[in-house]
N, C-alpha and C. Protein backbone atom coordinates (compact mmCIF):
# COMPACT_ATOMS: atom_id res chain seq x y z
N UNK A 1 -8.39 20.96 -1.78
CA UNK A 1 -8.56 19.84 -2.66
C UNK A 1 -7.13 18.98 -1.89
N UNK A 2 -8.12 18.15 -2.79
CA UNK A 2 -8.02 16.31 -1.62
C UNK A 2 -6.92 15.71 -3.40
N UNK A 3 -5.21 15.50 -3.65
CA UNK A 3 -4.45 14.97 -4.30
C UNK A 3 -4.79 13.94 -4.55
N UNK A 4 -5.19 13.29 -6.31
CA UNK A 4 -5.53 12.02 -6.14
C UNK A 4 -4.77 10.72 -7.30
N UNK A 5 -4.56 9.86 -7.06
CA UNK A 5 -3.36 8.85 -6.83
C UNK A 5 -3.01 9.57 -8.50
N UNK A 6 -3.74 9.82 -9.77
CA UNK A 6 -3.84 9.73 -10.64
C UNK A 6 -2.52 11.70 -11.26
N UNK A 7 -3.19 12.28 -9.54
CA UNK A 7 -2.08 13.51 -9.69
C UNK A 7 -1.03 13.47 -9.25
N UNK A 8 -0.32 11.75 -8.64
CA UNK A 8 1.19 11.95 -8.19
C UNK A 8 2.33 11.83 -10.03
N UNK A 9 3.50 11.91 -10.42
CA UNK A 9 4.36 11.75 -11.53
C UNK A 9 5.12 10.90 -10.70
N UNK A 10 6.24 10.77 -12.83
CA UNK A 10 6.92 9.76 -11.69
C UNK A 10 7.67 10.12 -11.12
N UNK A 11 8.29 11.52 -11.26
CA UNK A 11 8.71 12.10 -9.72
C UNK A 11 8.07 11.62 -8.94
N UNK A 12 7.48 11.76 -8.11
CA UNK A 12 6.94 11.48 -6.75
C UNK A 12 7.34 10.32 -6.67
N UNK A 13 6.90 9.61 -8.10
CA UNK A 13 6.39 7.37 -7.91
C UNK A 13 8.42 7.23 -6.75
N UNK A 14 9.20 7.84 -7.79
CA UNK A 14 10.97 7.50 -7.82
C UNK A 14 11.40 8.06 -6.66
N UNK A 15 10.15 8.39 -5.96
CA UNK A 15 10.06 8.60 -4.09
C UNK A 15 10.55 7.70 -3.51
N UNK A 16 9.66 6.55 -3.50
CA UNK A 16 10.11 5.34 -3.02
C UNK A 16 11.36 4.79 -3.04
N UNK A 17 11.53 3.55 -2.40
CA UNK A 17 12.94 3.06 -2.81
C UNK A 17 12.36 2.36 -3.51
N UNK A 18 13.38 1.63 -4.84
CA UNK A 18 13.79 1.00 -5.68
C UNK A 18 12.78 -0.40 -5.14
N UNK A 19 12.13 -1.08 -5.96
CA UNK A 19 11.17 -2.10 -5.97
C UNK A 19 12.18 -3.07 -5.78
N UNK A 20 12.15 -4.39 -4.87
CA UNK A 20 12.88 -5.32 -4.21
C UNK A 20 11.84 -6.66 -4.47
N UNK A 21 12.97 -7.67 -4.61
CA UNK A 21 12.57 -9.40 -4.96
C UNK A 21 12.23 -9.99 -3.83
N UNK A 22 12.96 -9.17 -2.39
CA UNK A 22 13.27 -10.46 -0.93
C UNK A 22 12.92 -9.14 -0.51
N UNK A 23 11.50 -10.05 0.68
CA UNK A 23 10.60 -9.24 1.99
C UNK A 23 10.63 -10.52 2.84
N UNK A 24 11.78 -11.26 3.30
CA UNK A 24 12.03 -11.62 4.64
C UNK A 24 11.46 -11.03 5.93
N UNK A 25 11.67 -10.14 6.01
CA UNK A 25 10.75 -9.37 7.87
C UNK A 25 9.98 -8.91 7.26
N UNK A 26 8.84 -8.95 7.12
CA UNK A 26 7.13 -8.22 7.70
C UNK A 26 7.18 -7.69 8.86
N UNK A 27 7.05 -6.55 8.09
CA UNK A 27 6.43 -5.10 9.35
C UNK A 27 7.72 -4.48 9.55
N UNK A 28 8.43 -4.66 9.32
CA UNK A 28 9.95 -3.75 9.15
C UNK A 28 10.57 -2.63 7.44
N UNK A 29 8.84 -3.45 6.91
CA UNK A 29 9.18 -2.38 5.06
C UNK A 29 8.35 -0.83 5.94
N UNK A 30 9.37 0.21 5.70
CA UNK A 30 8.81 1.36 5.84
C UNK A 30 7.68 2.01 4.30
N UNK A 31 7.17 1.99 4.71
CA UNK A 31 5.76 2.59 4.25
C UNK A 31 6.18 4.11 3.52
N UNK A 32 6.12 4.65 2.23
CA UNK A 32 6.39 6.09 1.80
C UNK A 32 5.39 6.39 1.73
N UNK A 33 3.84 5.58 1.30
CA UNK A 33 2.96 6.35 0.70
C UNK A 33 1.57 6.01 0.97
N UNK A 34 0.91 6.33 1.30
CA UNK A 34 -0.73 6.38 2.25
C UNK A 34 -1.26 6.35 1.58
N UNK A 35 -2.80 5.48 0.60
CA UNK A 35 -3.34 5.96 0.03
C UNK A 35 -4.67 5.24 0.23
N UNK A 36 -5.94 5.90 0.07
CA UNK A 36 -7.08 5.40 1.11
C UNK A 36 -8.44 6.64 -0.53
N UNK A 37 -9.37 5.04 0.26
CA UNK A 37 -10.50 5.70 -0.72
C UNK A 37 -12.02 6.33 0.34
N UNK A 38 -12.73 6.21 -0.14
CA UNK A 38 -13.98 6.67 0.87
C UNK A 38 -15.13 5.20 0.91
N UNK A 39 -13.97 4.06 -0.15
CA UNK A 39 -15.26 2.91 0.19
C UNK A 39 -14.10 2.55 1.61
N UNK A 40 -13.46 2.52 2.34
CA UNK A 40 -12.59 2.47 3.26
C UNK A 40 -11.38 1.00 3.01
N UNK A 41 -11.08 1.66 1.24
CA UNK A 41 -9.14 0.72 1.88
C UNK A 41 -8.62 1.86 1.26
N UNK A 42 -7.11 1.20 1.70
CA UNK A 42 -6.18 1.69 1.86
C UNK A 42 -5.27 0.73 0.92
N UNK A 43 -4.26 1.56 0.49
CA UNK A 43 -3.67 1.06 0.20
C UNK A 43 -1.50 2.27 0.72
N UNK A 44 -0.74 0.57 1.97
CA UNK A 44 0.49 1.40 2.08
C UNK A 44 1.56 1.23 1.67
N UNK A 45 2.33 1.83 0.58
CA UNK A 45 3.50 1.19 -1.05
C UNK A 45 4.57 1.59 0.45
N UNK A 46 5.44 0.28 -0.35
CA UNK A 46 6.84 0.38 0.55
C UNK A 46 8.08 0.54 -0.06
N UNK A 47 8.20 0.11 -1.76
CA UNK A 47 8.39 0.16 -3.13
C UNK A 47 7.99 0.53 -4.41
N UNK A 48 8.47 0.63 -5.43
CA UNK A 48 7.99 1.21 -5.86
C UNK A 48 8.75 0.59 -7.51
N UNK A 49 9.42 0.00 -8.10
CA UNK A 49 9.61 -0.50 -9.63
C UNK A 49 9.36 0.29 -10.87
N UNK A 50 9.95 1.60 -11.10
CA UNK A 50 9.86 2.52 -12.57
C UNK A 50 9.67 1.80 -13.24
N UNK A 51 9.96 0.34 -13.48
CA UNK A 51 10.31 0.12 -15.08
C UNK A 51 9.28 -1.20 -14.86
N UNK A 52 9.09 -1.26 -14.46
CA UNK A 52 7.90 -3.30 -13.71
C UNK A 52 6.24 -2.01 -13.73
N UNK A 53 6.53 -0.59 -13.01
CA UNK A 53 5.32 -0.04 -12.79
C UNK A 53 4.61 -0.89 -11.59
N UNK A 54 5.27 -1.52 -10.88
CA UNK A 54 4.74 -2.84 -10.20
C UNK A 54 5.73 -2.40 -8.71
N UNK A 55 4.32 -1.91 -7.63
CA UNK A 55 4.15 -1.74 -5.57
C UNK A 55 4.52 -2.77 -5.39
N UNK A 56 5.24 -2.68 -4.60
CA UNK A 56 5.60 -3.05 -3.07
C UNK A 56 4.04 -2.84 -1.72
N UNK A 57 4.04 -3.46 -0.84
CA UNK A 57 3.02 -2.85 -0.21
C UNK A 57 2.34 -3.82 0.76
N UNK A 58 0.96 -2.71 0.98
CA UNK A 58 0.15 -3.79 1.79
C UNK A 58 -1.63 -3.07 1.81
N UNK A 59 -2.10 -4.05 1.24
CA UNK A 59 -3.55 -3.44 1.08
C UNK A 59 -4.34 -3.72 2.00
N UNK A 60 -5.45 -3.06 1.87
CA UNK A 60 -6.47 -3.28 2.89
C UNK A 60 -8.58 -2.81 2.61
N UNK A 61 -9.25 -3.62 2.30
CA UNK A 61 -10.57 -3.44 2.57
C UNK A 61 -11.20 -4.66 3.11
N UNK A 62 -12.50 -3.89 2.46
CA UNK A 62 -13.68 -4.56 4.25
C UNK A 62 -13.34 -6.06 3.55
N UNK A 63 -14.38 -6.02 2.65
CA UNK A 63 -14.09 -7.88 2.02
C UNK A 63 -12.84 -8.70 2.48
N UNK A 64 -11.70 -8.24 1.64
CA UNK A 64 -10.53 -8.96 1.59
C UNK A 64 -9.72 -9.01 3.47
N UNK A 65 -10.08 -7.77 3.54
CA UNK A 65 -9.60 -7.50 5.22
C UNK A 65 -7.40 -7.41 4.58
N UNK A 66 -6.59 -7.72 4.78
CA UNK A 66 -5.45 -6.89 4.60
C UNK A 66 -4.74 -8.33 3.91
N UNK A 67 -3.79 -7.79 2.84
CA UNK A 67 -2.98 -8.94 2.26
C UNK A 67 -2.34 -8.02 2.44
N UNK A 68 -0.79 -8.83 1.68
CA UNK A 68 0.64 -8.08 1.27
C UNK A 68 1.58 -8.24 0.05
N UNK A 69 2.14 -7.42 -0.86
CA UNK A 69 2.79 -7.98 -1.80
C UNK A 69 2.85 -7.77 -3.21
N UNK A 70 1.93 -7.49 -4.23
CA UNK A 70 2.69 -6.68 -5.18
C UNK A 70 1.30 -6.02 -6.23
N UNK A 71 1.40 -5.12 -6.85
CA UNK A 71 0.41 -4.52 -6.91
C UNK A 71 1.16 -3.56 -8.62
N UNK A 72 0.59 -3.89 -9.44
CA UNK A 72 0.89 -2.79 -10.77
C UNK A 72 -0.02 -1.53 -11.17
N UNK A 73 0.70 -0.21 -10.86
CA UNK A 73 0.02 0.36 -11.31
C UNK A 73 -1.70 0.38 -13.05
N UNK A 74 -0.79 -1.12 -13.62
CA UNK A 74 -3.22 -1.26 -13.87
C UNK A 74 -3.64 -1.16 -12.72
N UNK A 75 -2.97 -1.94 -11.96
CA UNK A 75 -4.21 -2.32 -10.58
C UNK A 75 -5.03 -1.12 -10.61
N UNK A 76 -3.78 -0.68 -9.91
CA UNK A 76 -4.06 1.08 -9.37
C UNK A 76 -5.01 1.73 -10.25
N UNK A 77 -5.10 1.49 -11.60
CA UNK A 77 -5.90 2.55 -12.45
C UNK A 77 -7.22 2.53 -12.28
N UNK A 78 -7.13 0.75 -12.00
CA UNK A 78 -9.14 0.44 -12.38
C UNK A 78 -9.54 1.30 -11.28
N UNK A 79 -8.39 1.20 -10.48
CA UNK A 79 -9.95 2.32 -8.64
C UNK A 79 -9.90 3.05 -9.55
N UNK A 80 -8.66 3.67 -10.24
CA UNK A 80 -8.92 5.53 -10.51
C UNK A 80 -9.85 5.76 -11.36
N UNK A 81 -10.18 4.41 -12.46
CA UNK A 81 -10.56 5.05 -13.34
C UNK A 81 -13.00 4.25 -13.33
N UNK A 82 -12.66 3.70 -11.82
CA UNK A 82 -14.08 3.59 -11.57
C UNK A 82 -14.66 5.16 -11.06
N UNK A 83 -14.03 4.79 -10.04
CA UNK A 83 -14.26 7.34 -9.70
C UNK A 83 -14.86 7.47 -8.19
N UNK A 84 -15.49 8.50 -8.61
CA UNK A 84 -16.33 8.44 -6.98
C UNK A 84 -15.51 8.17 -5.92
N UNK A 85 -16.14 7.22 -5.68
CA UNK A 85 -15.63 7.08 -3.70
C UNK A 85 -14.60 5.86 -4.00
N UNK A 86 -15.27 5.62 -4.79
CA UNK A 86 -13.93 4.43 -5.29
C UNK A 86 -11.80 5.08 -5.68
N UNK A 87 -12.15 5.88 -5.95
CA UNK A 87 -10.88 6.80 -6.57
C UNK A 87 -9.74 7.07 -5.07
N UNK A 88 -8.33 6.30 -5.19
CA UNK A 88 -7.50 6.19 -4.60
C UNK A 88 -7.02 8.13 -4.87
N UNK A 89 -7.00 8.18 -2.99
CA UNK A 89 -6.65 9.34 -2.23
C UNK A 89 -4.70 9.65 -2.47
N UNK A 90 -4.13 10.25 -2.44
CA UNK A 90 -2.91 10.57 -1.66
C UNK A 90 -3.60 11.06 -0.31
N UNK A 91 -2.36 10.95 1.36
CA UNK A 91 -2.72 10.85 2.55
C UNK A 91 -1.55 11.99 2.42
N UNK A 92 -1.60 13.24 2.35
CA UNK A 92 -0.62 14.22 2.08
C UNK A 92 -0.06 14.52 4.20
N UNK A 93 -0.53 14.01 4.62
CA UNK A 93 -0.32 14.06 6.09
C UNK A 93 1.18 12.83 6.12
N UNK A 94 1.34 11.53 5.60
CA UNK A 94 1.62 10.77 5.81
C UNK A 94 3.48 11.07 5.66
N UNK A 95 3.70 10.32 7.21
CA UNK A 95 5.20 10.37 7.60
C UNK A 95 5.76 8.89 7.34
N UNK A 96 6.89 8.85 6.86
CA UNK A 96 7.26 7.48 6.82
C UNK A 96 7.20 6.83 7.60
N UNK A 97 6.55 5.26 8.19
CA UNK A 97 7.25 4.89 8.85
C UNK A 97 6.89 3.08 9.02
N UNK A 98 7.42 2.18 10.06
CA UNK A 98 7.54 0.90 9.06
C UNK A 98 5.71 0.06 9.62
N UNK A 99 6.44 -0.63 8.88
CA UNK A 99 4.49 -1.52 8.62
C UNK A 99 3.92 -1.15 9.98
N UNK A 100 5.57 -2.32 11.12
CA UNK A 100 4.66 -2.85 11.93
C UNK A 100 4.02 -1.62 13.28
N UNK A 101 4.70 -0.16 12.62
CA UNK A 101 3.44 0.57 13.61
C UNK A 101 1.90 1.50 12.59
N UNK A 102 2.53 1.13 11.95
CA UNK A 102 0.67 2.01 11.43
C UNK A 102 -0.41 0.41 12.27
N UNK A 103 -1.25 1.01 12.92
CA UNK A 103 -2.38 0.45 13.81
C UNK A 103 -2.89 -0.09 13.08
N UNK A 104 -3.55 0.15 11.73
CA UNK A 104 -4.55 -1.68 11.13
C UNK A 104 -3.52 -2.02 10.31
N UNK A 105 -2.19 -2.74 10.42
CA UNK A 105 -1.53 -3.94 10.17
C UNK A 105 -1.33 -4.77 10.83
N UNK A 106 -0.85 -4.41 11.76
CA UNK A 106 -0.94 -5.24 13.56
C UNK A 106 -0.61 -6.32 13.22
N UNK A 107 -1.87 -6.52 13.33
CA UNK A 107 -2.52 -7.81 13.84
C UNK A 107 -2.18 -8.52 11.87
N UNK A 108 -2.33 -7.99 11.25
CA UNK A 108 -2.40 -9.02 9.93
C UNK A 108 -0.19 -9.21 10.40
N UNK A 109 0.36 -8.46 10.41
CA UNK A 109 2.27 -8.29 11.02
C UNK A 109 2.34 -9.67 12.02
N UNK A 110 1.71 -9.53 12.46
CA UNK A 110 1.72 -10.73 14.45
C UNK A 110 1.84 -11.84 13.91
N UNK A 111 0.03 -11.82 12.51
CA UNK A 111 -0.76 -12.95 12.24
C UNK A 111 1.13 -14.08 10.78
N UNK A 112 1.35 -12.96 10.26
CA UNK A 112 1.98 -13.12 9.56
C UNK A 112 3.51 -14.11 9.82
N UNK A 113 3.99 -13.60 11.12
CA UNK A 113 5.34 -13.57 11.92
C UNK A 113 4.67 -14.69 12.55
N UNK A 114 3.47 -15.18 13.18
CA UNK A 114 3.01 -15.95 14.18
C UNK A 114 1.73 -17.00 13.99
N UNK A 115 2.20 -17.62 12.59
CA UNK A 115 0.75 -17.84 12.45
C UNK A 115 0.42 -18.72 13.55
N UNK A 116 -1.88 -19.28 13.16
CA UNK A 116 -2.18 -19.43 14.33
C UNK A 116 -1.71 -21.33 14.04
N UNK A 117 -2.15 -22.46 14.88
CA UNK A 117 -2.31 -23.69 15.03
C UNK A 117 -3.05 -23.86 13.46
N UNK A 118 -2.22 -24.69 12.68
CA UNK A 118 -3.32 -25.52 11.73
C UNK A 118 -4.11 -26.09 12.24
N UNK A 119 -4.66 -26.97 13.84
CA UNK A 119 -4.84 -28.42 14.22
C UNK A 119 -5.95 -28.79 13.74
């Protein structure tokens, strides 16, 4: 049986490093938690703030592409409440890795490091 995001306990989430305000070197963040759903959406979580209930990481979906930044527990629960194919599932085989080593994030990270000219 696949583990759902809602099955994660507070102690599971506190295994992620504490949330930091500073993220200057995109791509070097270590991703500790990978979530996905059947709608081909992915969440790569690097940090978690248990008091603010915020995550920092990378977020990928077909319509918006990839973005990075913060999302709240409430944001995640909205997907859970949709249920079915929208429900975020835990990639239980995930091994912590740097963001720049995640194949689907590489193009985004390169663009953030060296954006194309806006001429």
